[in-house]
């Protein structure tokens, strides 16, 4: 069982739900990306909820770079694991979960 660490110093100052779609950038480990073929990679925007469940704990421990939940940015991994940037269009409701975790 994993450990979830929260920081009381971080805060979000944006509305939780907006009726619009935005293009956002997420980072996915290269090892995970290579497991999916080209066709599945194109379906990535539809698979976002699965990735949110998988990487939610990791994203909750990453330092926040922006105070707005809808424009959260994450730094690439400085360790041995290589990260791949993926631009996806999704509703701000889905993105709110990442903002809350961050």
N, C-alpha and C. Protein backbone atom coordinates (compact mmCIF):
# COMPACT_ATOMS: atom_id res chain seq x y z
N UNK A 1 0.84 -1.17 0.00
CA UNK A 1 0.00 0.00 0.00
C UNK A 1 0.88 1.24 0.00
N UNK A 2 0.55 2.23 -0.83
CA UNK A 2 1.36 3.43 -0.96
C UNK A 2 1.05 4.47 0.10
N UNK A 3 1.90 5.47 0.18
CA UNK A 3 1.72 6.57 1.11
C UNK A 3 1.40 7.83 0.33
N UNK A 4 0.38 8.55 0.74
CA UNK A 4 -0.02 9.78 0.09
C UNK A 4 0.38 10.94 0.99
N UNK A 5 1.27 11.83 0.50
CA UNK A 5 1.73 12.96 1.30
C UNK A 5 1.15 14.24 0.72
N UNK A 6 0.54 15.05 1.57
CA UNK A 6 -0.07 16.30 1.14
C UNK A 6 0.68 17.47 1.76
N UNK A 7 0.72 18.59 1.05
CA UNK A 7 1.37 19.79 1.54
C UNK A 7 0.32 20.85 1.82
N UNK A 8 0.28 21.37 3.03
CA UNK A 8 -0.69 22.40 3.40
C UNK A 8 -0.30 23.76 2.83
N UNK A 9 0.91 23.91 2.31
CA UNK A 9 1.38 25.19 1.79
C UNK A 9 0.88 25.47 0.37
N UNK A 10 0.45 24.46 -0.35
CA UNK A 10 -0.01 24.63 -1.72
C UNK A 10 -1.51 24.90 -1.75
N UNK A 11 -1.96 25.71 -2.71
CA UNK A 11 -3.39 26.00 -2.82
C UNK A 11 -3.77 26.21 -4.28
N UNK A 12 -5.07 26.06 -4.57
CA UNK A 12 -5.62 26.25 -5.91
C UNK A 12 -6.57 27.43 -5.85
N UNK A 13 -6.44 28.35 -6.81
CA UNK A 13 -7.34 29.49 -6.88
C UNK A 13 -7.98 29.56 -8.26
N UNK A 14 -8.90 28.66 -8.50
CA UNK A 14 -9.65 28.67 -9.76
C UNK A 14 -10.95 27.90 -9.55
N UNK A 15 -11.88 28.12 -10.47
CA UNK A 15 -13.16 27.43 -10.34
C UNK A 15 -12.97 25.94 -10.63
N UNK A 16 -13.79 25.12 -9.99
CA UNK A 16 -13.64 23.67 -10.13
C UNK A 16 -14.22 23.13 -11.42
N UNK A 17 -15.19 23.80 -11.99
CA UNK A 17 -15.84 23.25 -13.19
C UNK A 17 -16.16 24.38 -14.16
N UNK A 18 -15.71 24.26 -15.37
CA UNK A 18 -16.01 25.20 -16.44
C UNK A 18 -16.50 24.41 -17.64
N UNK A 19 -17.42 24.97 -18.39
CA UNK A 19 -18.00 24.28 -19.54
C UNK A 19 -17.20 24.55 -20.81
N UNK A 20 -15.99 24.09 -20.85
CA UNK A 20 -15.18 24.24 -22.06
C UNK A 20 -14.08 23.18 -22.09
N UNK A 21 -13.54 23.01 -23.28
CA UNK A 21 -12.44 22.07 -23.48
C UNK A 21 -11.15 22.88 -23.60
N UNK A 22 -10.05 22.30 -23.14
CA UNK A 22 -8.75 22.94 -23.25
C UNK A 22 -7.71 21.91 -23.67
N UNK A 23 -6.65 22.40 -24.28
CA UNK A 23 -5.51 21.55 -24.60
C UNK A 23 -4.55 21.64 -23.43
N UNK A 24 -4.21 20.50 -22.87
CA UNK A 24 -3.30 20.46 -21.73
C UNK A 24 -2.16 19.50 -22.04
N UNK A 25 -1.06 19.67 -21.35
CA UNK A 25 0.11 18.81 -21.52
C UNK A 25 0.27 17.95 -20.28
N UNK A 26 0.38 16.66 -20.48
CA UNK A 26 0.66 15.76 -19.37
C UNK A 26 1.97 15.03 -19.67
N UNK A 27 2.59 14.53 -18.63
CA UNK A 27 3.83 13.77 -18.77
C UNK A 27 3.56 12.32 -18.44
N UNK A 28 3.97 11.43 -19.33
CA UNK A 28 3.77 10.00 -19.15
C UNK A 28 5.14 9.34 -19.25
N UNK A 29 5.46 8.41 -18.34
CA UNK A 29 6.75 7.72 -18.43
C UNK A 29 6.92 7.04 -19.79
N UNK A 30 8.11 7.14 -20.36
CA UNK A 30 8.41 6.56 -21.67
C UNK A 30 8.13 5.06 -21.68
N UNK A 31 8.43 4.38 -20.59
CA UNK A 31 8.20 2.94 -20.50
C UNK A 31 6.71 2.62 -20.69
N UNK A 32 5.85 3.42 -20.08
CA UNK A 32 4.40 3.23 -20.23
C UNK A 32 3.96 3.54 -21.65
N UNK A 33 4.48 4.61 -22.22
CA UNK A 33 4.11 5.02 -23.58
C UNK A 33 4.43 3.93 -24.60
N UNK A 34 5.56 3.26 -24.44
CA UNK A 34 5.98 2.24 -25.40
C UNK A 34 5.10 0.99 -25.34
N UNK A 35 4.37 0.80 -24.24
CA UNK A 35 3.46 -0.34 -24.14
C UNK A 35 2.27 -0.21 -25.09
N UNK A 36 1.93 1.03 -25.45
CA UNK A 36 0.79 1.27 -26.33
C UNK A 36 1.27 1.41 -27.77
N UNK A 37 0.52 0.85 -28.71
CA UNK A 37 0.85 1.01 -30.12
C UNK A 37 0.43 2.38 -30.61
N UNK A 38 0.70 2.66 -31.88
CA UNK A 38 0.38 3.97 -32.45
C UNK A 38 -1.12 4.24 -32.43
N UNK A 39 -1.93 3.23 -32.72
CA UNK A 39 -3.39 3.41 -32.73
C UNK A 39 -3.91 3.73 -31.33
N UNK A 40 -3.39 3.03 -30.32
CA UNK A 40 -3.84 3.30 -28.96
C UNK A 40 -3.36 4.66 -28.48
N UNK A 41 -2.19 5.08 -28.94
CA UNK A 41 -1.67 6.39 -28.55
C UNK A 41 -2.58 7.51 -29.07
N UNK A 42 -3.17 7.31 -30.25
CA UNK A 42 -4.09 8.31 -30.79
C UNK A 42 -5.37 8.39 -29.96
N UNK A 43 -5.72 7.30 -29.28
CA UNK A 43 -6.91 7.28 -28.44
C UNK A 43 -6.62 7.77 -27.02
N UNK A 44 -5.45 8.30 -26.81
CA UNK A 44 -5.04 8.73 -25.47
C UNK A 44 -6.02 9.68 -24.79
N UNK A 45 -6.56 10.69 -25.47
CA UNK A 45 -7.50 11.59 -24.78
C UNK A 45 -8.69 10.86 -24.17
N UNK A 46 -9.12 9.76 -24.76
CA UNK A 46 -10.24 8.99 -24.21
C UNK A 46 -9.81 8.15 -23.02
N UNK A 47 -8.51 7.94 -22.88
CA UNK A 47 -8.00 7.09 -21.80
C UNK A 47 -7.53 7.89 -20.58
N UNK A 48 -7.74 9.19 -20.61
CA UNK A 48 -7.28 10.04 -19.51
C UNK A 48 -7.78 9.58 -18.14
N UNK A 49 -9.07 9.23 -17.97
CA UNK A 49 -9.49 8.79 -16.63
C UNK A 49 -8.68 7.61 -16.09
N UNK A 50 -8.29 6.69 -16.96
CA UNK A 50 -7.46 5.55 -16.53
C UNK A 50 -6.10 6.04 -16.04
N UNK A 51 -5.50 6.96 -16.77
CA UNK A 51 -4.20 7.50 -16.36
C UNK A 51 -4.32 8.30 -15.06
N UNK A 52 -5.43 9.00 -14.87
CA UNK A 52 -5.61 9.75 -13.63
C UNK A 52 -5.64 8.81 -12.44
N UNK A 53 -6.29 7.67 -12.59
CA UNK A 53 -6.32 6.69 -11.49
C UNK A 53 -4.93 6.10 -11.26
N UNK A 54 -4.20 5.83 -12.35
CA UNK A 54 -2.89 5.19 -12.24
C UNK A 54 -1.84 6.13 -11.64
N UNK A 55 -1.79 7.39 -12.10
CA UNK A 55 -0.73 8.31 -11.70
C UNK A 55 -1.18 9.36 -10.70
N UNK A 56 -2.38 9.21 -10.14
CA UNK A 56 -2.89 10.21 -9.21
C UNK A 56 -1.99 10.44 -8.01
N UNK A 57 -1.51 9.37 -7.40
CA UNK A 57 -0.64 9.51 -6.22
C UNK A 57 0.69 10.15 -6.60
N UNK A 58 1.24 9.77 -7.75
CA UNK A 58 2.50 10.37 -8.19
C UNK A 58 2.32 11.87 -8.40
N UNK A 59 1.26 12.25 -9.11
CA UNK A 59 1.04 13.66 -9.40
C UNK A 59 0.76 14.47 -8.15
N UNK A 60 0.21 13.84 -7.12
CA UNK A 60 -0.06 14.57 -5.88
C UNK A 60 1.22 14.91 -5.14
N UNK A 61 2.33 14.25 -5.45
CA UNK A 61 3.59 14.53 -4.77
C UNK A 61 4.52 15.43 -5.57
N UNK A 62 4.16 15.75 -6.83
CA UNK A 62 5.01 16.59 -7.68
C UNK A 62 4.80 18.06 -7.33
N UNK A 63 5.88 18.83 -7.28
CA UNK A 63 5.78 20.25 -6.94
C UNK A 63 4.95 20.98 -7.98
N UNK A 64 4.08 21.83 -7.49
CA UNK A 64 3.18 22.61 -8.34
C UNK A 64 3.91 23.83 -8.88
N UNK A 65 3.75 24.12 -10.18
CA UNK A 65 4.41 25.27 -10.80
C UNK A 65 3.45 26.42 -11.07
N UNK A 66 2.15 26.20 -10.95
CA UNK A 66 1.18 27.22 -11.30
C UNK A 66 0.00 27.12 -10.33
N UNK A 67 -0.54 28.26 -9.87
CA UNK A 67 -1.63 28.27 -8.89
C UNK A 67 -2.99 28.02 -9.51
N UNK A 68 -3.11 27.98 -10.83
CA UNK A 68 -4.39 27.75 -11.49
C UNK A 68 -4.52 26.27 -11.85
N UNK A 69 -5.60 25.64 -11.40
CA UNK A 69 -5.78 24.20 -11.64
C UNK A 69 -5.90 23.88 -13.12
N UNK A 70 -6.49 24.78 -13.90
CA UNK A 70 -6.69 24.46 -15.32
C UNK A 70 -5.42 24.63 -16.15
N UNK A 71 -4.37 25.20 -15.58
CA UNK A 71 -3.12 25.39 -16.31
C UNK A 71 -1.94 24.84 -15.52
N UNK A 72 -2.11 23.68 -14.94
CA UNK A 72 -1.05 23.08 -14.14
C UNK A 72 0.07 22.59 -15.05
N UNK A 73 1.29 22.85 -14.68
CA UNK A 73 2.46 22.38 -15.44
C UNK A 73 3.33 21.55 -14.51
N UNK A 74 3.93 20.53 -15.05
CA UNK A 74 4.80 19.66 -14.26
C UNK A 74 6.17 19.61 -14.90
N UNK A 75 7.20 19.54 -14.07
CA UNK A 75 8.56 19.45 -14.58
C UNK A 75 8.84 18.03 -15.01
N UNK A 76 9.68 17.86 -16.05
CA UNK A 76 10.08 16.52 -16.46
C UNK A 76 10.86 15.82 -15.34
N UNK A 77 10.85 14.52 -15.37
CA UNK A 77 11.57 13.73 -14.38
C UNK A 77 13.07 13.98 -14.53
N UNK A 78 13.73 14.24 -13.42
CA UNK A 78 15.18 14.44 -13.47
C UNK A 78 15.92 13.14 -13.20
N UNK A 79 15.19 12.09 -12.87
CA UNK A 79 15.80 10.80 -12.57
C UNK A 79 16.10 10.00 -13.82
N UNK A 80 16.23 8.69 -13.65
CA UNK A 80 16.55 7.82 -14.77
C UNK A 80 15.37 7.59 -15.69
N UNK A 81 14.14 7.69 -15.16
CA UNK A 81 12.97 7.42 -16.01
C UNK A 81 12.70 8.62 -16.92
N UNK A 82 12.61 8.35 -18.20
CA UNK A 82 12.37 9.39 -19.18
C UNK A 82 10.87 9.61 -19.32
N UNK A 83 10.46 10.88 -19.41
CA UNK A 83 9.05 11.21 -19.51
C UNK A 83 8.74 11.73 -20.92
N UNK A 84 7.53 11.46 -21.40
CA UNK A 84 7.09 11.92 -22.71
C UNK A 84 5.95 12.91 -22.53
N UNK A 85 6.06 14.06 -23.22
CA UNK A 85 5.00 15.07 -23.17
C UNK A 85 3.92 14.71 -24.16
N UNK A 86 2.67 14.78 -23.72
CA UNK A 86 1.52 14.46 -24.58
C UNK A 86 0.51 15.58 -24.44
N UNK A 87 0.13 16.20 -25.58
CA UNK A 87 -0.90 17.23 -25.58
C UNK A 87 -2.24 16.57 -25.86
N UNK A 88 -3.22 16.83 -25.00
CA UNK A 88 -4.56 16.26 -25.17
C UNK A 88 -5.60 17.34 -24.93
N UNK A 89 -6.76 17.18 -25.57
CA UNK A 89 -7.90 18.06 -25.33
C UNK A 89 -8.85 17.33 -24.39
N UNK A 90 -9.18 17.98 -23.29
CA UNK A 90 -10.13 17.39 -22.37
C UNK A 90 -10.89 18.47 -21.64
N UNK A 91 -12.02 18.09 -21.09
CA UNK A 91 -12.85 19.03 -20.34
C UNK A 91 -12.17 19.45 -19.05
N UNK A 92 -12.49 20.65 -18.62
CA UNK A 92 -11.86 21.13 -17.40
C UNK A 92 -12.30 20.34 -16.18
N UNK A 93 -13.44 19.64 -16.27
CA UNK A 93 -13.87 18.79 -15.16
C UNK A 93 -12.88 17.67 -14.90
N UNK A 94 -12.38 17.04 -15.97
CA UNK A 94 -11.37 15.98 -15.82
C UNK A 94 -10.05 16.56 -15.31
N UNK A 95 -9.71 17.74 -15.79
CA UNK A 95 -8.45 18.36 -15.41
C UNK A 95 -8.46 18.82 -13.96
N UNK A 96 -9.66 19.08 -13.42
CA UNK A 96 -9.79 19.51 -12.03
C UNK A 96 -9.22 18.48 -11.07
N UNK A 97 -9.39 17.20 -11.38
CA UNK A 97 -8.85 16.15 -10.51
C UNK A 97 -7.33 16.28 -10.40
N UNK A 98 -6.66 16.51 -11.52
CA UNK A 98 -5.20 16.69 -11.47
C UNK A 98 -4.84 17.93 -10.66
N UNK A 99 -5.58 19.00 -10.84
CA UNK A 99 -5.32 20.22 -10.07
C UNK A 99 -5.50 20.00 -8.58
N UNK A 100 -6.54 19.26 -8.22
CA UNK A 100 -6.78 18.98 -6.80
C UNK A 100 -5.67 18.12 -6.22
N UNK A 101 -5.20 17.14 -6.98
CA UNK A 101 -4.11 16.29 -6.50
C UNK A 101 -2.81 17.06 -6.40
N UNK A 102 -2.58 17.98 -7.33
CA UNK A 102 -1.33 18.74 -7.33
C UNK A 102 -1.34 19.75 -6.20
